[in-house]
Amino acid sequence: MKRNAYRNRGFKTVDLRLLKSFPFGEDKRVEFSAEMFNLFNFDNIVYDRTNLIYGPGINAVSGAVVPANATFLQLRLPNGKYDPVNNQLGTPFQAQLGLRYFF
């Protein structure tokens, strides 16, 4: 296989930050924020084990020649399921709230 002969699947994520500032007295204010990461909880699935072996055939860390992985460029394992350890790219939906007081 020649170098860079394949492309992996696309990566999708939508992040959102909302911020509202409230005056508090003459020179003080309070800010409330809400942040959401991967808002729509996209499943970013990549081809199995393409991040572990460059090529296939060369270990990315040591440079040693290794045999091609049987699941290279496959989205699912032979049993029909995704491999959650190696196929997930990015993080699932996360949210955080923040409160800041300026004085």
N, C-alpha and C. Protein backbone atom coordinates (compact mmCIF):
# COMPACT_ATOMS: atom_id res chain seq x y z
N MET A 1 0.84 -1.17 0.00
CA MET A 1 0.00 0.00 0.00
C MET A 1 0.89 1.24 0.00
N LYS A 2 0.59 2.18 -0.87
CA LYS A 2 1.42 3.38 -0.92
C LYS A 2 1.06 4.32 0.24
N ARG A 3 1.93 5.25 0.49
CA ARG A 3 1.77 6.18 1.59
C ARG A 3 0.52 7.05 1.39
N ASN A 4 -0.22 7.29 2.47
CA ASN A 4 -1.44 8.12 2.46
C ASN A 4 -2.46 7.63 1.43
N ALA A 5 -2.63 6.33 1.32
CA ALA A 5 -3.51 5.76 0.30
C ALA A 5 -4.98 5.73 0.72
N TYR A 6 -5.31 6.10 1.93
CA TYR A 6 -6.70 6.06 2.37
C TYR A 6 -7.01 7.31 3.19
N ARG A 7 -8.28 7.58 3.34
CA ARG A 7 -8.74 8.66 4.21
C ARG A 7 -9.67 8.06 5.27
N ASN A 8 -9.57 8.60 6.45
CA ASN A 8 -10.46 8.14 7.51
C ASN A 8 -11.78 8.90 7.43
N ARG A 9 -12.71 8.54 8.26
CA ARG A 9 -14.02 9.18 8.26
C ARG A 9 -13.94 10.59 8.84
N GLY A 10 -14.93 11.42 8.50
CA GLY A 10 -14.97 12.79 8.99
C GLY A 10 -15.25 12.87 10.49
N PHE A 11 -14.84 13.98 11.08
CA PHE A 11 -15.03 14.22 12.50
C PHE A 11 -16.00 15.38 12.66
N LYS A 12 -17.07 15.20 13.44
CA LYS A 12 -18.07 16.24 13.64
C LYS A 12 -18.23 16.51 15.13
N THR A 13 -18.26 17.79 15.47
CA THR A 13 -18.57 18.18 16.84
C THR A 13 -19.10 19.61 16.82
N VAL A 14 -20.00 19.91 17.74
CA VAL A 14 -20.53 21.26 17.89
C VAL A 14 -20.39 21.63 19.36
N ASP A 15 -19.65 22.71 19.62
CA ASP A 15 -19.48 23.21 20.97
C ASP A 15 -20.24 24.53 21.09
N LEU A 16 -20.76 24.81 22.28
CA LEU A 16 -21.55 26.02 22.49
C LEU A 16 -21.23 26.60 23.85
N ARG A 17 -21.08 27.93 23.90
CA ARG A 17 -20.88 28.62 25.17
C ARG A 17 -21.86 29.78 25.25
N LEU A 18 -22.58 29.84 26.36
CA LEU A 18 -23.52 30.92 26.62
C LEU A 18 -23.03 31.68 27.84
N LEU A 19 -23.11 33.02 27.78
CA LEU A 19 -22.62 33.85 28.87
C LEU A 19 -23.59 35.00 29.09
N LYS A 20 -23.94 35.24 30.34
CA LYS A 20 -24.82 36.35 30.69
C LYS A 20 -24.21 37.07 31.89
N SER A 21 -24.09 38.39 31.76
CA SER A 21 -23.51 39.21 32.81
C SER A 21 -24.61 40.02 33.48
N PHE A 22 -24.61 40.06 34.81
CA PHE A 22 -25.59 40.82 35.58
C PHE A 22 -24.86 41.86 36.43
N PRO A 23 -25.23 43.15 36.31
CA PRO A 23 -24.61 44.16 37.18
C PRO A 23 -25.04 43.94 38.63
N PHE A 24 -24.12 44.18 39.53
CA PHE A 24 -24.36 43.95 40.95
C PHE A 24 -23.76 45.13 41.70
N GLY A 25 -24.57 46.08 42.01
CA GLY A 25 -24.05 47.30 42.63
C GLY A 25 -23.46 48.22 41.57
N GLU A 26 -22.68 49.21 42.00
CA GLU A 26 -22.12 50.19 41.06
C GLU A 26 -20.98 49.63 40.22
N ASP A 27 -20.05 48.94 40.85
CA ASP A 27 -18.85 48.50 40.13
C ASP A 27 -18.62 47.00 40.23
N LYS A 28 -19.62 46.26 40.55
CA LYS A 28 -19.49 44.80 40.66
C LYS A 28 -20.44 44.15 39.66
N ARG A 29 -20.12 42.92 39.33
CA ARG A 29 -21.01 42.17 38.44
C ARG A 29 -20.82 40.67 38.66
N VAL A 30 -21.83 39.93 38.25
CA VAL A 30 -21.81 38.47 38.32
C VAL A 30 -22.02 37.95 36.91
N GLU A 31 -21.21 36.98 36.51
CA GLU A 31 -21.36 36.36 35.19
C GLU A 31 -21.72 34.88 35.37
N PHE A 32 -22.71 34.48 34.65
CA PHE A 32 -23.12 33.07 34.63
C PHE A 32 -22.80 32.52 33.25
N SER A 33 -22.16 31.36 33.18
CA SER A 33 -21.83 30.76 31.88
C SER A 33 -22.24 29.28 31.87
N ALA A 34 -22.58 28.83 30.69
CA ALA A 34 -22.87 27.42 30.46
C ALA A 34 -22.13 27.00 29.20
N GLU A 35 -21.35 25.94 29.29
CA GLU A 35 -20.58 25.44 28.15
C GLU A 35 -20.98 24.00 27.89
N MET A 36 -21.17 23.68 26.61
CA MET A 36 -21.51 22.33 26.20
C MET A 36 -20.56 21.90 25.09
N PHE A 37 -20.01 20.72 25.24
CA PHE A 37 -19.07 20.17 24.27
C PHE A 37 -19.71 18.96 23.60
N ASN A 38 -19.55 18.85 22.28
CA ASN A 38 -20.22 17.82 21.48
C ASN A 38 -21.72 17.85 21.78
N LEU A 39 -22.30 19.03 21.55
CA LEU A 39 -23.68 19.33 21.91
C LEU A 39 -24.68 18.30 21.40
N PHE A 40 -24.52 17.83 20.17
CA PHE A 40 -25.46 16.87 19.59
C PHE A 40 -25.02 15.42 19.78
N ASN A 41 -23.96 15.22 20.58
CA ASN A 41 -23.46 13.88 20.93
C ASN A 41 -23.21 13.02 19.70
N PHE A 42 -22.49 13.58 18.72
CA PHE A 42 -22.16 12.83 17.51
C PHE A 42 -21.28 11.63 17.86
N ASP A 43 -21.55 10.49 17.25
CA ASP A 43 -20.67 9.33 17.39
C ASP A 43 -19.59 9.46 16.34
N ASN A 44 -18.40 9.81 16.75
CA ASN A 44 -17.28 9.95 15.83
C ASN A 44 -16.53 8.63 15.80
N ILE A 45 -16.86 7.82 14.81
CA ILE A 45 -16.28 6.48 14.65
C ILE A 45 -15.20 6.55 13.57
N VAL A 46 -14.05 5.97 13.87
CA VAL A 46 -12.95 5.95 12.90
C VAL A 46 -12.68 4.50 12.51
N TYR A 47 -11.99 4.33 11.40
CA TYR A 47 -11.61 2.98 10.99
C TYR A 47 -10.77 2.33 12.07
N ASP A 48 -11.03 1.07 12.34
CA ASP A 48 -10.41 0.36 13.44
C ASP A 48 -8.90 0.30 13.32
N ARG A 49 -8.25 0.72 14.37
CA ARG A 49 -6.80 0.60 14.58
C ARG A 49 -5.94 1.35 13.57
N THR A 50 -6.48 2.30 12.85
CA THR A 50 -5.64 3.06 11.92
C THR A 50 -4.74 4.04 12.65
N ASN A 51 -5.05 4.34 13.90
CA ASN A 51 -4.20 5.24 14.66
C ASN A 51 -3.05 4.53 15.36
N LEU A 52 -3.05 3.21 15.35
CA LEU A 52 -2.00 2.47 16.04
C LEU A 52 -0.85 2.08 15.13
N ILE A 53 -1.13 1.84 13.87
CA ILE A 53 -0.10 1.40 12.94
C ILE A 53 -0.13 2.30 11.73
N TYR A 54 1.01 2.87 11.37
CA TYR A 54 1.09 3.71 10.19
C TYR A 54 1.23 2.81 8.99
N GLY A 55 0.41 3.01 8.06
CA GLY A 55 0.56 2.24 6.83
C GLY A 55 -0.61 1.37 6.52
N PRO A 56 -0.70 0.15 6.67
CA PRO A 56 -0.19 -0.71 7.72
C PRO A 56 1.21 -1.23 7.44
N GLY A 57 1.88 -1.67 8.47
CA GLY A 57 3.15 -2.32 8.27
C GLY A 57 4.30 -1.73 9.06
N ILE A 58 4.16 -0.49 9.58
CA ILE A 58 5.25 0.12 10.33
C ILE A 58 4.69 0.65 11.64
N ASN A 59 5.31 0.26 12.75
CA ASN A 59 4.91 0.75 14.05
C ASN A 59 5.31 2.21 14.16
N ALA A 60 4.35 3.09 14.50
CA ALA A 60 4.61 4.53 14.52
C ALA A 60 5.60 4.93 15.60
N VAL A 61 5.72 4.17 16.67
CA VAL A 61 6.62 4.52 17.77
C VAL A 61 8.04 4.02 17.52
N SER A 62 8.18 2.73 17.20
CA SER A 62 9.51 2.14 17.08
C SER A 62 10.02 2.08 15.65
N GLY A 63 9.13 2.17 14.66
CA GLY A 63 9.55 2.05 13.26
C GLY A 63 9.73 0.62 12.80
N ALA A 64 9.44 -0.34 13.68
CA ALA A 64 9.61 -1.75 13.34
C ALA A 64 8.51 -2.20 12.37
N VAL A 65 8.86 -3.13 11.50
CA VAL A 65 7.89 -3.68 10.55
C VAL A 65 7.00 -4.67 11.28
N VAL A 66 5.69 -4.51 11.12
CA VAL A 66 4.72 -5.41 11.75
C VAL A 66 3.72 -5.87 10.69
N PRO A 67 3.12 -7.03 10.87
CA PRO A 67 2.12 -7.48 9.89
C PRO A 67 0.88 -6.60 9.93
N ALA A 68 0.18 -6.53 8.83
CA ALA A 68 -1.03 -5.71 8.75
C ALA A 68 -2.10 -6.28 9.68
N ASN A 69 -2.83 -5.40 10.34
CA ASN A 69 -3.90 -5.80 11.23
C ASN A 69 -5.08 -6.32 10.41
N ALA A 70 -5.72 -7.37 10.87
CA ALA A 70 -6.83 -7.97 10.12
C ALA A 70 -8.04 -7.04 10.03
N THR A 71 -8.17 -6.10 10.96
CA THR A 71 -9.33 -5.19 10.94
C THR A 71 -8.97 -3.81 10.40
N PHE A 72 -7.84 -3.67 9.73
CA PHE A 72 -7.44 -2.38 9.17
C PHE A 72 -8.46 -1.91 8.15
N LEU A 73 -8.90 -0.66 8.25
CA LEU A 73 -9.89 -0.02 7.38
C LEU A 73 -11.27 -0.66 7.47
N GLN A 74 -11.61 -1.22 8.61
CA GLN A 74 -12.95 -1.75 8.84
C GLN A 74 -13.62 -0.93 9.94
N LEU A 75 -14.89 -0.62 9.77
CA LEU A 75 -15.61 0.14 10.79
C LEU A 75 -16.08 -0.75 11.94
N ARG A 76 -16.32 -2.02 11.64
CA ARG A 76 -16.83 -2.92 12.67
C ARG A 76 -15.90 -4.12 12.82
N LEU A 77 -15.94 -4.71 13.99
CA LEU A 77 -15.19 -5.94 14.24
C LEU A 77 -15.91 -7.10 13.56
N PRO A 78 -15.28 -8.26 13.44
CA PRO A 78 -15.93 -9.41 12.80
C PRO A 78 -17.27 -9.80 13.45
N ASN A 79 -17.47 -9.49 14.73
CA ASN A 79 -18.74 -9.81 15.39
C ASN A 79 -19.83 -8.78 15.12
N GLY A 80 -19.53 -7.74 14.32
CA GLY A 80 -20.53 -6.75 13.94
C GLY A 80 -20.61 -5.53 14.84
N LYS A 81 -19.82 -5.49 15.92
CA LYS A 81 -19.86 -4.37 16.85
C LYS A 81 -18.67 -3.44 16.64
N TYR A 82 -18.82 -2.20 17.09
CA TYR A 82 -17.70 -1.26 17.08
C TYR A 82 -16.78 -1.59 18.25
N ASP A 83 -15.50 -1.36 18.06
CA ASP A 83 -14.53 -1.55 19.12
C ASP A 83 -14.45 -0.24 19.90
N PRO A 84 -15.04 -0.14 21.10
CA PRO A 84 -15.10 1.14 21.80
C PRO A 84 -13.73 1.67 22.23
N VAL A 85 -12.75 0.80 22.37
CA VAL A 85 -11.43 1.27 22.79
C VAL A 85 -10.70 1.97 21.65
N ASN A 86 -10.79 1.46 20.45
CA ASN A 86 -10.00 1.98 19.35
C ASN A 86 -10.79 2.76 18.31
N ASN A 87 -12.11 2.70 18.32
CA ASN A 87 -12.90 3.35 17.28
C ASN A 87 -13.45 4.71 17.67
N GLN A 88 -13.49 5.04 18.94
CA GLN A 88 -14.08 6.30 19.37
C GLN A 88 -13.06 7.42 19.26
N LEU A 89 -13.47 8.50 18.60
CA LEU A 89 -12.62 9.67 18.44
C LEU A 89 -13.32 10.83 19.11
N GLY A 90 -12.63 11.54 19.97
CA GLY A 90 -13.25 12.65 20.67
C GLY A 90 -13.95 12.19 21.93
N THR A 91 -14.80 13.05 22.47
CA THR A 91 -15.47 12.76 23.72
C THR A 91 -16.98 12.83 23.54
N PRO A 92 -17.74 12.15 24.40
CA PRO A 92 -19.20 12.27 24.34
C PRO A 92 -19.64 13.63 24.87
N PHE A 93 -20.94 13.89 24.87
CA PHE A 93 -21.48 15.16 25.35
C PHE A 93 -21.01 15.44 26.77
N GLN A 94 -20.57 16.68 26.98
CA GLN A 94 -20.18 17.14 28.31
C GLN A 94 -20.69 18.55 28.48
N ALA A 95 -20.99 18.93 29.72
CA ALA A 95 -21.45 20.29 30.01
C ALA A 95 -20.84 20.76 31.31
N GLN A 96 -20.66 22.07 31.41
CA GLN A 96 -20.18 22.65 32.66
C GLN A 96 -20.81 24.02 32.85
N LEU A 97 -21.03 24.36 34.10
CA LEU A 97 -21.61 25.64 34.46
C LEU A 97 -20.57 26.45 35.20
N GLY A 98 -20.61 27.76 35.02
CA GLY A 98 -19.65 28.63 35.69
C GLY A 98 -20.32 29.86 36.26
N LEU A 99 -19.76 30.36 37.34
CA LEU A 99 -20.23 31.57 37.99
C LEU A 99 -19.01 32.38 38.40
N ARG A 100 -18.96 33.65 37.97
CA ARG A 100 -17.82 34.52 38.29
C ARG A 100 -18.34 35.79 38.94
N TYR A 101 -17.62 36.23 39.93
CA TYR A 101 -17.98 37.47 40.63
C TYR A 101 -16.82 38.45 40.45
N PHE A 102 -17.11 39.60 39.87
CA PHE A 102 -16.10 40.64 39.64
C PHE A 102 -16.32 41.76 40.65
N PHE A 103 -15.26 42.15 41.33
CA PHE A 103 -15.35 43.26 42.28
C PHE A 103 -14.17 44.18 42.16
